[in-house]
Amino acid sequence: MSRLAGALWVFNIFLDTIGHLSFKAAASTKATAEQNRWRRMFGSVYLWIGIACFCLEFAVWFALLSLIPLSQAVLIGSINIVVVMLAGRLLFRERLNPLRLTGMALIAAGVALAGGTL
């Protein structure tokens, strides 16, 4: 994989992770009434950070696809799942049970194998 493709891949992972974490933070707002909850979520800076990250990720993904085949990009892009799960554990104290950890290990192994063929 070229350095540019590698940099775009890492930037894509970063944007995807920040986007998901921002949406989770916006959705975790505390409000008593359902209508107030939605109003607070839409007024949250985290929601708009998430939207901006996903818009930027869209452009970065296009750039990455211009450098490597889609079949390989999708495989190595799967590492986003692992990164988001780990970040969710660190920031939101989400549980990682043995089944999820096994899934993460299998995904990481698959990404390592797919990345080695680029």
PDB file of N, CA and C in Angstrom:
ATOM      1  N   MET A   1       0.858  -1.166   0.000  1.00  0.00           N
ATOM      2  CA  MET A   1       0.000   0.000   0.000  1.00  0.00           C
ATOM      3  C   MET A   1       0.906   1.230   0.000  1.00  0.00           C
ATOM      4  N   SER A   2       0.555   2.190  -0.812  1.00  0.00           N
ATOM      5  CA  SER A   2       1.356   3.415  -0.867  1.00  0.00           C
ATOM      6  C   SER A   2       1.188   4.213   0.426  1.00  0.00           C
ATOM      7  N   ARG A   3       2.109   5.136   0.634  1.00  0.00           N
ATOM      8  CA  ARG A   3       2.020   5.976   1.840  1.00  0.00           C
ATOM      9  C   ARG A   3       0.753   6.813   1.839  1.00  0.00           C
ATOM     10  N   LEU A   4       0.382   7.324   0.673  1.00  0.00           N
ATOM     11  CA  LEU A   4      -0.833   8.120   0.574  1.00  0.00           C
ATOM     12  C   LEU A   4      -2.056   7.278   0.920  1.00  0.00           C
ATOM     13  N   ALA A   5      -2.125   6.077   0.371  1.00  0.00           N
ATOM     14  CA  ALA A   5      -3.255   5.189   0.672  1.00  0.00           C
ATOM     15  C   ALA A   5      -3.288   4.860   2.167  1.00  0.00           C
ATOM     16  N   GLY A   6      -2.127   4.610   2.749  1.00  0.00           N
ATOM     17  CA  GLY A   6      -2.057   4.330   4.181  1.00  0.00           C
ATOM     18  C   GLY A   6      -2.525   5.511   5.016  1.00  0.00           C
ATOM     19  N   ALA A   7      -2.122   6.707   4.624  1.00  0.00           N
ATOM     20  CA  ALA A   7      -2.535   7.914   5.346  1.00  0.00           C
ATOM     21  C   ALA A   7      -4.041   8.132   5.220  1.00  0.00           C
ATOM     22  N   LEU A   8      -4.575   7.925   4.029  1.00  0.00           N
ATOM     23  CA  LEU A   8      -6.021   8.069   3.834  1.00  0.00           C
ATOM     24  C   LEU A   8      -6.786   7.031   4.647  1.00  0.00           C
ATOM     25  N   TRP A   9      -6.252   5.821   4.719  1.00  0.00           N
ATOM     26  CA  TRP A   9      -6.889   4.754   5.493  1.00  0.00           C
ATOM     27  C   TRP A   9      -6.945   5.131   6.975  1.00  0.00           C
ATOM     28  N   VAL A  10      -5.832   5.598   7.513  1.00  0.00           N
ATOM     29  CA  VAL A  10      -5.785   6.001   8.923  1.00  0.00           C
ATOM     30  C   VAL A  10      -6.721   7.194   9.174  1.00  0.00           C
ATOM     31  N   PHE A  11      -6.735   8.153   8.261  1.00  0.00           N
ATOM     32  CA  PHE A  11      -7.612   9.317   8.413  1.00  0.00           C
ATOM     33  C   PHE A  11      -9.075   8.894   8.356  1.00  0.00           C
ATOM     34  N   ASN A  12      -9.381   7.931   7.488  1.00  0.00           N
ATOM     35  CA  ASN A  12     -10.732   7.390   7.400  1.00  0.00           C
ATOM     36  C   ASN A  12     -11.150   6.742   8.714  1.00  0.00           C
ATOM     37  N   ILE A  13     -10.249   5.974   9.304  1.00  0.00           N
ATOM     38  CA  ILE A  13     -10.528   5.332  10.598  1.00  0.00           C
ATOM     39  C   ILE A  13     -10.773   6.396  11.664  1.00  0.00           C
ATOM     40  N   PHE A  14      -9.941   7.416  11.678  1.00  0.00           N
ATOM     41  CA  PHE A  14     -10.083   8.509  12.646  1.00  0.00           C
ATOM     42  C   PHE A  14     -11.440   9.192  12.513  1.00  0.00           C
ATOM     43  N   LEU A  15     -11.799   9.584  11.291  1.00  0.00           N
ATOM     44  CA  LEU A  15     -13.067  10.282  11.071  1.00  0.00           C
ATOM     45  C   LEU A  15     -14.261   9.408  11.427  1.00  0.00           C
ATOM     46  N   ASP A  16     -14.209   8.138  11.047  1.00  0.00           N
ATOM     47  CA  ASP A  16     -15.300   7.215  11.351  1.00  0.00           C
ATOM     48  C   ASP A  16     -15.478   7.063  12.864  1.00  0.00           C
ATOM     49  N   THR A  17     -14.372   6.911  13.565  1.00  0.00           N
ATOM     50  CA  THR A  17     -14.424   6.736  15.020  1.00  0.00           C
ATOM     51  C   THR A  17     -14.969   7.976  15.703  1.00  0.00           C
ATOM     52  N   ILE A  18     -14.461   9.150  15.341  1.00  0.00           N
ATOM     53  CA  ILE A  18     -14.946  10.395  15.934  1.00  0.00           C
ATOM     54  C   ILE A  18     -16.426  10.601  15.607  1.00  0.00           C
ATOM     55  N   GLY A  19     -16.820  10.268  14.389  1.00  0.00           N
ATOM     56  CA  GLY A  19     -18.227  10.398  14.004  1.00  0.00           C
ATOM     57  C   GLY A  19     -19.137   9.533  14.860  1.00  0.00           C
ATOM     58  N   HIS A  20     -18.774   8.265  15.023  1.00  0.00           N
ATOM     59  CA  HIS A  20     -19.591   7.358  15.836  1.00  0.00           C
ATOM     60  C   HIS A  20     -19.623   7.786  17.305  1.00  0.00           C
ATOM     61  N   LEU A  21     -18.475   8.161  17.837  1.00  0.00           N
ATOM     62  CA  LEU A  21     -18.416   8.591  19.234  1.00  0.00           C
ATOM     63  C   LEU A  21     -19.222   9.872  19.449  1.00  0.00           C
ATOM     64  N   SER A  22     -19.186  10.765  18.487  1.00  0.00           N
ATOM     65  CA  SER A  22     -19.951  12.006  18.593  1.00  0.00           C
ATOM     66  C   SER A  22     -21.451  11.724  18.583  1.00  0.00           C
ATOM     67  N   PHE A  23     -21.884  10.831  17.711  1.00  0.00           N
ATOM     68  CA  PHE A  23     -23.301  10.474  17.673  1.00  0.00           C
ATOM     69  C   PHE A  23     -23.733   9.816  18.985  1.00  0.00           C
ATOM     70  N   LYS A  24     -22.883   8.954  19.530  1.00  0.00           N
ATOM     71  CA  LYS A  24     -23.197   8.318  20.808  1.00  0.00           C
ATOM     72  C   LYS A  24     -23.307   9.364  21.914  1.00  0.00           C
ATOM     73  N   ALA A  25     -22.381  10.325  21.929  1.00  0.00           N
ATOM     74  CA  ALA A  25     -22.423  11.376  22.941  1.00  0.00           C
ATOM     75  C   ALA A  25     -23.690  12.212  22.794  1.00  0.00           C
ATOM     76  N   ALA A  26     -24.077  12.522  21.575  1.00  0.00           N
ATOM     77  CA  ALA A  26     -25.304  13.297  21.352  1.00  0.00           C
ATOM     78  C   ALA A  26     -26.535  12.498  21.772  1.00  0.00           C
ATOM     79  N   ALA A  27     -26.539  11.206  21.495  1.00  0.00           N
ATOM     80  CA  ALA A  27     -27.686  10.358  21.829  1.00  0.00           C
ATOM     81  C   ALA A  27     -27.776  10.055  23.318  1.00  0.00           C
ATOM     82  N   SER A  28     -26.718  10.266  24.050  1.00  0.00           N
ATOM     83  CA  SER A  28     -26.688   9.958  25.482  1.00  0.00           C
ATOM     84  C   SER A  28     -27.188  11.113  26.340  1.00  0.00           C
ATOM     85  N   THR A  29     -27.786  12.093  25.719  1.00  0.00           N
ATOM     86  CA  THR A  29     -28.269  13.260  26.457  1.00  0.00           C
ATOM     87  C   THR A  29     -29.362  12.858  27.442  1.00  0.00           C
ATOM     88  N   LYS A  30     -29.388  13.542  28.542  1.00  0.00           N
ATOM     89  CA  LYS A  30     -30.388  13.283  29.584  1.00  0.00           C
ATOM     90  C   LYS A  30     -31.508  14.316  29.465  1.00  0.00           C
ATOM     91  N   ALA A  31     -32.727  13.854  29.321  1.00  0.00           N
ATOM     92  CA  ALA A  31     -33.896  14.727  29.306  1.00  0.00           C
ATOM     93  C   ALA A  31     -35.090  13.920  29.787  1.00  0.00           C
ATOM     94  N   THR A  32     -36.014  14.595  30.412  1.00  0.00           N
ATOM     95  CA  THR A  32     -37.158  13.887  30.986  1.00  0.00           C
ATOM     96  C   THR A  32     -38.178  13.498  29.926  1.00  0.00           C
ATOM     97  N   ALA A  33     -38.564  14.390  29.072  1.00  0.00           N
ATOM     98  CA  ALA A  33     -39.570  14.097  28.049  1.00  0.00           C
ATOM     99  C   ALA A  33     -38.881  13.737  26.737  1.00  0.00           C
ATOM    100  N   GLU A  34     -39.541  12.860  25.980  1.00  0.00           N
ATOM    101  CA  GLU A  34     -38.975  12.412  24.703  1.00  0.00           C
ATOM    102  C   GLU A  34     -38.743  13.579  23.750  1.00  0.00           C
ATOM    103  N   GLN A  35     -39.685  14.510  23.689  1.00  0.00           N
ATOM    104  CA  GLN A  35     -39.536  15.669  22.805  1.00  0.00           C
ATOM    105  C   GLN A  35     -38.341  16.523  23.217  1.00  0.00           C
ATOM    106  N   ASN A  36     -38.148  16.700  24.521  1.00  0.00           N
ATOM    107  CA  ASN A  36     -36.997  17.462  24.997  1.00  0.00           C
ATOM    108  C   ASN A  36     -35.696  16.753  24.658  1.00  0.00           C
ATOM    109  N   ARG A  37     -35.712  15.427  24.733  1.00  0.00           N
ATOM    110  CA  ARG A  37     -34.512  14.648  24.416  1.00  0.00           C
ATOM    111  C   ARG A  37     -34.099  14.875  22.968  1.00  0.00           C
ATOM    112  N   TRP A  38     -35.058  14.801  22.058  1.00  0.00           N
ATOM    113  CA  TRP A  38     -34.742  15.012  20.643  1.00  0.00           C
ATOM    114  C   TRP A  38     -34.277  16.444  20.396  1.00  0.00           C
ATOM    115  N   ARG A  39     -34.901  17.396  21.050  1.00  0.00           N
ATOM    116  CA  ARG A  39     -34.501  18.792  20.888  1.00  0.00           C
ATOM    117  C   ARG A  39     -33.066  18.988  21.375  1.00  0.00           C
ATOM    118  N   ARG A  40     -32.730  18.379  22.500  1.00  0.00           N
ATOM    119  CA  ARG A  40     -31.361  18.495  23.033  1.00  0.00           C
ATOM    120  C   ARG A  40     -30.355  17.798  22.126  1.00  0.00           C
ATOM    121  N   MET A  41     -30.734  16.632  21.569  1.00  0.00           N
ATOM    122  CA  MET A  41     -29.814  15.932  20.659  1.00  0.00           C
ATOM    123  C   MET A  41     -29.531  16.779  19.427  1.00  0.00           C
ATOM    124  N   PHE A  42     -30.585  17.364  18.835  1.00  0.00           N
ATOM    125  CA  PHE A  42     -30.375  18.165  17.636  1.00  0.00           C
ATOM    126  C   PHE A  42     -29.654  19.471  17.923  1.00  0.00           C
ATOM    127  N   GLY A  43     -29.682  19.916  19.159  1.00  0.00           N
ATOM    128  CA  GLY A  43     -28.947  21.119  19.543  1.00  0.00           C
ATOM    129  C   GLY A  43     -27.545  20.826  20.039  1.00  0.00           C
ATOM    130  N   SER A  44     -27.197  19.564  20.098  1.00  0.00           N
ATOM    131  CA  SER A  44     -25.893  19.165  20.631  1.00  0.00           C
ATOM    132  C   SER A  44     -24.777  19.406  19.614  1.00  0.00           C
ATOM    133  N   VAL A  45     -23.690  19.963  20.085  1.00  0.00           N
ATOM    134  CA  VAL A  45     -22.523  20.163  19.216  1.00  0.00           C
ATOM    135  C   VAL A  45     -21.967  18.808  18.761  1.00  0.00           C
ATOM    136  N   TYR A  46     -22.147  17.769  19.567  1.00  0.00           N
ATOM    137  CA  TYR A  46     -21.650  16.441  19.202  1.00  0.00           C
ATOM    138  C   TYR A  46     -22.332  15.906  17.944  1.00  0.00           C
ATOM    139  N   LEU A  47     -23.619  16.159  17.796  1.00  0.00           N
ATOM    140  CA  LEU A  47     -24.328  15.709  16.602  1.00  0.00           C
ATOM    141  C   LEU A  47     -23.707  16.328  15.357  1.00  0.00           C
ATOM    142  N   TRP A  48     -23.434  17.615  15.414  1.00  0.00           N
ATOM    143  CA  TRP A  48     -22.902  18.322  14.249  1.00  0.00           C
ATOM    144  C   TRP A  48     -21.438  17.957  13.982  1.00  0.00           C
ATOM    145  N   ILE A  49     -20.697  17.654  15.026  1.00  0.00           N
ATOM    146  CA  ILE A  49     -19.329  17.141  14.827  1.00  0.00           C
ATOM    147  C   ILE A  49     -19.398  15.796  14.111  1.00  0.00           C
ATOM    148  N   GLY A  50     -20.318  14.937  14.536  1.00  0.00           N
ATOM    149  CA  GLY A  50     -20.486  13.632  13.894  1.00  0.00           C
ATOM    150  C   GLY A  50     -20.861  13.764  12.428  1.00  0.00           C
ATOM    151  N   ILE A  51     -21.792  14.642  12.134  1.00  0.00           N
ATOM    152  CA  ILE A  51     -22.204  14.856  10.738  1.00  0.00           C
ATOM    153  C   ILE A  51     -21.022  15.355   9.907  1.00  0.00           C
ATOM    154  N   ALA A  52     -20.267  16.305  10.446  1.00  0.00           N
ATOM    155  CA  ALA A  52     -19.104  16.834   9.723  1.00  0.00           C
ATOM    156  C   ALA A  52     -18.066  15.738   9.487  1.00  0.00           C
ATOM    157  N   CYS A  53     -17.834  14.903  10.496  1.00  0.00           N
ATOM    158  CA  CYS A  53     -16.855  13.817  10.340  1.00  0.00           C
ATOM    159  C   CYS A  53     -17.282  12.833   9.260  1.00  0.00           C
ATOM    160  N   PHE A  54     -18.564  12.485   9.231  1.00  0.00           N
ATOM    161  CA  PHE A  54     -19.025  11.533   8.218  1.00  0.00           C
ATOM    162  C   PHE A  54     -19.010  12.141   6.819  1.00  0.00           C
ATOM    163  N   CYS A  55     -19.263  13.445   6.695  1.00  0.00           N
ATOM    164  CA  CYS A  55     -19.150  14.100   5.385  1.00  0.00           C
ATOM    165  C   CYS A  55     -17.702  14.097   4.906  1.00  0.00           C
ATOM    166  N   LEU A  56     -16.789  14.412   5.804  1.00  0.00           N
ATOM    167  CA  LEU A  56     -15.361  14.377   5.459  1.00  0.00           C
ATOM    168  C   LEU A  56     -14.912  12.952   5.132  1.00  0.00           C
ATOM    169  N   GLU A  57     -15.402  11.995   5.916  1.00  0.00           N
ATOM    170  CA  GLU A  57     -15.035  10.595   5.679  1.00  0.00           C
ATOM    171  C   GLU A  57     -15.472  10.156   4.278  1.00  0.00           C
ATOM    172  N   PHE A  58     -16.612  10.630   3.832  1.00  0.00           N
ATOM    173  CA  PHE A  58     -17.107  10.319   2.495  1.00  0.00           C
ATOM    174  C   PHE A  58     -16.074  10.721   1.436  1.00  0.00           C
ATOM    175  N   ALA A  59     -15.521  11.918   1.568  1.00  0.00           N
ATOM    176  CA  ALA A  59     -14.511  12.399   0.618  1.00  0.00           C
ATOM    177  C   ALA A  59     -13.218  11.597   0.734  1.00  0.00           C
ATOM    178  N   VAL A  60     -12.810  11.294   1.957  1.00  0.00           N
ATOM    179  CA  VAL A  60     -11.585  10.520   2.167  1.00  0.00           C
ATOM    180  C   VAL A  60     -11.747   9.108   1.597  1.00  0.00           C
ATOM    181  N   TRP A  61     -12.932   8.539   1.762  1.00  0.00           N
ATOM    182  CA  TRP A  61     -13.198   7.194   1.236  1.00  0.00           C
ATOM    183  C   TRP A  61     -13.080   7.190  -0.289  1.00  0.00           C
ATOM    184  N   PHE A  62     -13.629   8.212  -0.950  1.00  0.00           N
ATOM    185  CA  PHE A  62     -13.491   8.320  -2.400  1.00  0.00           C
ATOM    186  C   PHE A  62     -12.026   8.392  -2.810  1.00  0.00           C
ATOM    187  N   ALA A  63     -11.259   9.188  -2.095  1.00  0.00           N
ATOM    188  CA  ALA A  63      -9.838   9.315  -2.408  1.00  0.00           C
ATOM    189  C   ALA A  63      -9.120   7.972  -2.237  1.00  0.00           C
ATOM    190  N   LEU A  64      -9.455   7.255  -1.160  1.00  0.00           N
ATOM    191  CA  LEU A  64      -8.840   5.937  -0.937  1.00  0.00           C
ATOM    192  C   LEU A  64      -9.216   4.971  -2.049  1.00  0.00           C
ATOM    193  N   LEU A  65     -10.477   5.006  -2.478  1.00  0.00           N
ATOM    194  CA  LEU A  65     -10.921   4.109  -3.548  1.00  0.00           C
ATOM    195  C   LEU A  65     -10.253   4.421  -4.890  1.00  0.00           C
ATOM    196  N   SER A  66      -9.763   5.627  -5.050  1.00  0.00           N
ATOM    197  CA  SER A  66      -9.055   5.961  -6.290  1.00  0.00           C
ATOM    198  C   SER A  66      -7.660   5.338  -6.321  1.00  0.00           C
ATOM    199  N   LEU A  67      -7.195   4.869  -5.148  1.00  0.00           N
ATOM    200  CA  LEU A  67      -5.842   4.317  -5.057  1.00  0.00           C
ATOM    201  C   LEU A  67      -5.794   2.797  -4.909  1.00  0.00           C
ATOM    202  N   ILE A  68      -6.829   2.206  -4.318  1.00  0.00           N
ATOM    203  CA  ILE A  68      -6.834   0.752  -4.111  1.00  0.00           C
ATOM    204  C   ILE A  68      -8.181   0.182  -4.539  1.00  0.00           C
ATOM    205  N   PRO A  69      -8.238  -1.106  -4.856  1.00  0.00           N
ATOM    206  CA  PRO A  69      -9.503  -1.719  -5.267  1.00  0.00           C
ATOM    207  C   PRO A  69     -10.541  -1.733  -4.141  1.00  0.00           C
ATOM    208  N   LEU A  70     -11.785  -1.646  -4.521  1.00  0.00           N
ATOM    209  CA  LEU A  70     -12.886  -1.642  -3.557  1.00  0.00           C
ATOM    210  C   LEU A  70     -12.864  -2.886  -2.674  1.00  0.00           C
ATOM    211  N   SER A  71     -12.608  -4.038  -3.261  1.00  0.00           N
ATOM    212  CA  SER A  71     -12.625  -5.280  -2.476  1.00  0.00           C
ATOM    213  C   SER A  71     -11.594  -5.247  -1.351  1.00  0.00           C
ATOM    214  N   GLN A  72     -10.473  -4.650  -1.578  1.00  0.00           N
ATOM    215  CA  GLN A  72      -9.452  -4.543  -0.536  1.00  0.00           C
ATOM    216  C   GLN A  72      -9.777  -3.410   0.437  1.00  0.00           C
ATOM    217  N   ALA A  73     -10.283  -2.298  -0.075  1.00  0.00           N
ATOM    218  CA  ALA A  73     -10.614  -1.160   0.782  1.00  0.00           C
ATOM    219  C   ALA A  73     -11.689  -1.543   1.803  1.00  0.00           C
ATOM    220  N   VAL A  74     -12.689  -2.282   1.366  1.00  0.00           N
ATOM    221  CA  VAL A  74     -13.755  -2.689   2.276  1.00  0.00           C
ATOM    222  C   VAL A  74     -13.207  -3.621   3.355  1.00  0.00           C
ATOM    223  N   LEU A  75     -12.319  -4.516   2.960  1.00  0.00           N
ATOM    224  CA  LEU A  75     -11.745  -5.437   3.947  1.00  0.00           C
ATOM    225  C   LEU A  75     -10.908  -4.706   4.991  1.00  0.00           C
ATOM    226  N   ILE A  76     -10.004  -3.845   4.549  1.00  0.00           N
ATOM    227  CA  ILE A  76      -9.166  -3.156   5.531  1.00  0.00           C
ATOM    228  C   ILE A  76      -9.954  -2.097   6.296  1.00  0.00           C
ATOM    229  N   GLY A  77     -11.037  -1.586   5.675  1.00  0.00           N
ATOM    230  CA  GLY A  77     -11.887  -0.622   6.355  1.00  0.00           C
ATOM    231  C   GLY A  77     -12.657  -1.228   7.515  1.00  0.00           C
ATOM    232  N   SER A  78     -12.747  -2.543   7.557  1.00  0.00           N
ATOM    233  CA  SER A  78     -13.464  -3.221   8.639  1.00  0.00           C
ATOM    234  C   SER A  78     -12.819  -2.999   9.999  1.00  0.00           C
ATOM    235  N   ILE A  79     -11.585  -2.569  10.021  1.00  0.00           N
ATOM    236  CA  ILE A  79     -10.910  -2.312  11.301  1.00  0.00           C
ATOM    237  C   ILE A  79     -11.626  -1.193  12.065  1.00  0.00           C
ATOM    238  N   ASN A  80     -12.405  -0.367  11.349  1.00  0.00           N
ATOM    239  CA  ASN A  80     -13.191   0.678  12.019  1.00  0.00           C
ATOM    240  C   ASN A  80     -14.073   0.083  13.109  1.00  0.00           C
ATOM    241  N   ILE A  81     -14.609  -1.102  12.866  1.00  0.00           N
ATOM    242  CA  ILE A  81     -15.476  -1.759  13.848  1.00  0.00           C
ATOM    243  C   ILE A  81     -14.713  -1.981  15.149  1.00  0.00           C
ATOM    244  N   VAL A  82     -13.501  -2.466  15.036  1.00  0.00           N
ATOM    245  CA  VAL A  82     -12.686  -2.748  16.220  1.00  0.00           C
ATOM    246  C   VAL A  82     -12.343  -1.455  16.955  1.00  0.00           C
ATOM    247  N   VAL A  83     -11.934  -0.450  16.218  1.00  0.00           N
ATOM    248  CA  VAL A  83     -11.535   0.820  16.826  1.00  0.00           C
ATOM    249  C   VAL A  83     -12.722   1.477  17.538  1.00  0.00           C
ATOM    250  N   VAL A  84     -13.887   1.469  16.906  1.00  0.00           N
ATOM    251  CA  VAL A  84     -15.073   2.068  17.522  1.00  0.00           C
ATOM    252  C   VAL A  84     -15.469   1.298  18.776  1.00  0.00           C
ATOM    253  N   MET A  85     -15.386  -0.027  18.736  1.00  0.00           N
ATOM    254  CA  MET A  85     -15.729  -0.823  19.925  1.00  0.00           C
ATOM    255  C   MET A  85     -14.773  -0.531  21.088  1.00  0.00           C
ATOM    256  N   LEU A  86     -13.487  -0.432  20.797  1.00  0.00           N
ATOM    257  CA  LEU A  86     -12.519  -0.116  21.853  1.00  0.00           C
ATOM    258  C   LEU A  86     -12.735   1.294  22.404  1.00  0.00           C
ATOM    259  N   ALA A  87     -13.000   2.233  21.524  1.00  0.00           N
ATOM    260  CA  ALA A  87     -13.254   3.606  21.967  1.00  0.00           C
ATOM    261  C   ALA A  87     -14.542   3.683  22.787  1.00  0.00           C
ATOM    262  N   GLY A  88     -15.549   2.932  22.397  1.00  0.00           N
ATOM    263  CA  GLY A  88     -16.790   2.882  23.169  1.00  0.00           C
ATOM    264  C   GLY A  88     -16.567   2.320  24.560  1.00  0.00           C
ATOM    265  N   ARG A  89     -15.686   1.353  24.641  1.00  0.00           N
ATOM    266  CA  ARG A  89     -15.344   0.772  25.952  1.00  0.00           C
ATOM    267  C   ARG A  89     -14.638   1.813  26.818  1.00  0.00           C
ATOM    268  N   LEU A  90     -13.688   2.533  26.230  1.00  0.00           N
ATOM    269  CA  LEU A  90     -12.913   3.517  26.989  1.00  0.00           C
ATOM    270  C   LEU A  90     -13.730   4.736  27.392  1.00  0.00           C
ATOM    271  N   LEU A  91     -14.524   5.254  26.480  1.00  0.00           N
ATOM    272  CA  LEU A  91     -15.224   6.509  26.739  1.00  0.00           C
ATOM    273  C   LEU A  91     -16.615   6.340  27.342  1.00  0.00           C
ATOM    274  N   PHE A  92     -17.301   5.252  26.994  1.00  0.00           N
ATOM    275  CA  PHE A  92     -18.670   5.074  27.458  1.00  0.00           C
ATOM    276  C   PHE A  92     -18.853   3.846  28.354  1.00  0.00           C
ATOM    277  N   ARG A  93     -17.744   3.209  28.673  1.00  0.00           N
ATOM    278  CA  ARG A  93     -17.751   2.031  29.557  1.00  0.00           C
ATOM    279  C   ARG A  93     -18.672   0.920  29.066  1.00  0.00           C
ATOM    280  N   GLU A  94     -18.705   0.735  27.756  1.00  0.00           N
ATOM    281  CA  GLU A  94     -19.521  -0.327  27.194  1.00  0.00           C
ATOM    282  C   GLU A  94     -18.843  -1.667  27.423  1.00  0.00           C
ATOM    283  N   ARG A  95     -19.641  -2.699  27.558  1.00  0.00           N
ATOM    284  CA  ARG A  95     -19.105  -4.026  27.868  1.00  0.00           C
ATOM    285  C   ARG A  95     -18.510  -4.699  26.628  1.00  0.00           C
ATOM    286  N   LEU A  96     -17.412  -5.369  26.843  1.00  0.00           N
ATOM    287  CA  LEU A  96     -16.805  -6.211  25.818  1.00  0.00           C
ATOM    288  C   LEU A  96     -16.758  -7.626  26.388  1.00  0.00           C
ATOM    289  N   ASN A  97     -17.744  -8.418  26.029  1.00  0.00           N
ATOM    290  CA  ASN A  97     -17.787  -9.790  26.526  1.00  0.00           C
ATOM    291  C   ASN A  97     -16.893 -10.678  25.666  1.00  0.00           C
ATOM    292  N   PRO A  98     -16.671 -11.921  26.072  1.00  0.00           N
ATOM    293  CA  PRO A  98     -15.776 -12.807  25.320  1.00  0.00           C
ATOM    294  C   PRO A  98     -16.163 -12.983  23.847  1.00  0.00           C
ATOM    295  N   LEU A  99     -17.458 -13.020  23.556  1.00  0.00           N
ATOM    296  CA  LEU A  99     -17.885 -13.181  22.170  1.00  0.00           C
ATOM    297  C   LEU A  99     -17.496 -11.961  21.326  1.00  0.00           C
ATOM    298  N   ARG A 100     -17.688 -10.768  21.871  1.00  0.00           N
ATOM    299  CA  ARG A 100     -17.299  -9.543  21.155  1.00  0.00           C
ATOM    300  C   ARG A 100     -15.783  -9.460  20.990  1.00  0.00           C
ATOM    301  N   LEU A 101     -15.051  -9.839  22.017  1.00  0.00           N
ATOM    302  CA  LEU A 101     -13.584  -9.835  21.920  1.00  0.00           C
ATOM    303  C   LEU A 101     -13.102 -10.811  20.861  1.00  0.00           C
ATOM    304  N   THR A 102     -13.740 -11.969  20.781  1.00  0.00           N
ATOM    305  CA  THR A 102     -13.386 -12.950  19.743  1.00  0.00           C
ATOM    306  C   THR A 102     -13.670 -12.377  18.355  1.00  0.00           C
ATOM    307  N   GLY A 103     -14.822 -11.737  18.219  1.00  0.00           N
ATOM    308  CA  GLY A 103     -15.159 -11.106  16.938  1.00  0.00           C
ATOM    309  C   GLY A 103     -14.160 -10.032  16.551  1.00  0.00           C
ATOM    310  N   MET A 104     -13.758  -9.228  17.526  1.00  0.00           N
ATOM    311  CA  MET A 104     -12.767  -8.184  17.257  1.00  0.00           C
ATOM    312  C   MET A 104     -11.438  -8.791  16.812  1.00  0.00           C
ATOM    313  N   ALA A 105     -11.030  -9.879  17.462  1.00  0.00           N
ATOM    314  CA  ALA A 105      -9.769 -10.538  17.094  1.00  0.00           C
ATOM    315  C   ALA A 105      -9.847 -11.102  15.676  1.00  0.00           C
ATOM    316  N   LEU A 106     -10.978 -11.679  15.323  1.00  0.00           N
ATOM    317  CA  LEU A 106     -11.137 -12.223  13.969  1.00  0.00           C
ATOM    318  C   LEU A 106     -11.132 -11.113  12.920  1.00  0.00           C
ATOM    319  N   ILE A 107     -11.777 -10.007  13.230  1.00  0.00           N
ATOM    320  CA  ILE A 107     -11.770  -8.872  12.302  1.00  0.00           C
ATOM    321  C   ILE A 107     -10.352  -8.345  12.123  1.00  0.00           C
ATOM    322  N   ALA A 108      -9.645  -8.182  13.232  1.00  0.00           N
ATOM    323  CA  ALA A 108      -8.274  -7.675  13.151  1.00  0.00           C
ATOM    324  C   ALA A 108      -7.385  -8.629  12.346  1.00  0.00           C
ATOM    325  N   ALA A 109      -7.568  -9.924  12.533  1.00  0.00           N
ATOM    326  CA  ALA A 109      -6.782 -10.907  11.765  1.00  0.00           C
ATOM    327  C   ALA A 109      -7.120 -10.802  10.285  1.00  0.00           C
ATOM    328  N   GLY A 110      -8.392 -10.639   9.963  1.00  0.00           N
ATOM    329  CA  GLY A 110      -8.798 -10.499   8.570  1.00  0.00           C
ATOM    330  C   GLY A 110      -8.227  -9.242   7.937  1.00  0.00           C
ATOM    331  N   VAL A 111      -8.224  -8.155   8.676  1.00  0.00           N
ATOM    332  CA  VAL A 111      -7.657  -6.905   8.158  1.00  0.00           C
ATOM    333  C   VAL A 111      -6.153  -7.068   7.928  1.00  0.00           C
ATOM    334  N   ALA A 112      -5.479  -7.745   8.855  1.00  0.00           N
ATOM    335  CA  ALA A 112      -4.036  -7.974   8.685  1.00  0.00           C
ATOM    336  C   ALA A 112      -3.778  -8.803   7.436  1.00  0.00           C
ATOM    337  N   LEU A 113      -4.591  -9.814   7.213  1.00  0.00           N
ATOM    338  CA  LEU A 113      -4.408 -10.640   6.015  1.00  0.00           C
ATOM    339  C   LEU A 113      -4.709  -9.862   4.744  1.00  0.00           C
ATOM    340  N   ALA A 114      -5.784  -9.080   4.742  1.00  0.00           N
ATOM    341  CA  ALA A 114      -6.153  -8.298   3.561  1.00  0.00           C
ATOM    342  C   ALA A 114      -5.136  -7.191   3.308  1.00  0.00           C
ATOM    343  N   GLY A 115      -4.663  -6.564   4.354  1.00  0.00           N
ATOM    344  CA  GLY A 115      -3.690  -5.489   4.211  1.00  0.00           C
ATOM    345  C   GLY A 115      -2.368  -5.975   3.672  1.00  0.00           C
ATOM    346  N   GLY A 116      -2.025  -7.230   3.967  1.00  0.00           N
ATOM    347  CA  GLY A 116      -0.773  -7.802   3.492  1.00  0.00           C
ATOM    348  C   GLY A 116      -0.744  -8.064   1.993  1.00  0.00           C
ATOM    349  N   THR A 117      -1.941  -8.057   1.360  1.00  0.00           N
ATOM    350  CA  THR A 117      -2.000  -8.332  -0.076  1.00  0.00           C
ATOM    351  C   THR A 117      -2.009  -7.072  -0.916  1.00  0.00           C
ATOM    352  N   LEU A 118      -1.990  -5.899  -0.273  1.00  0.00           N
ATOM    353  CA  LEU A 118      -2.054  -4.660  -1.037  1.00  0.00           C
ATOM    354  C   LEU A 118      -0.733  -4.310  -1.677  1.00  0.00           C
TER     355      LEU A 118
END
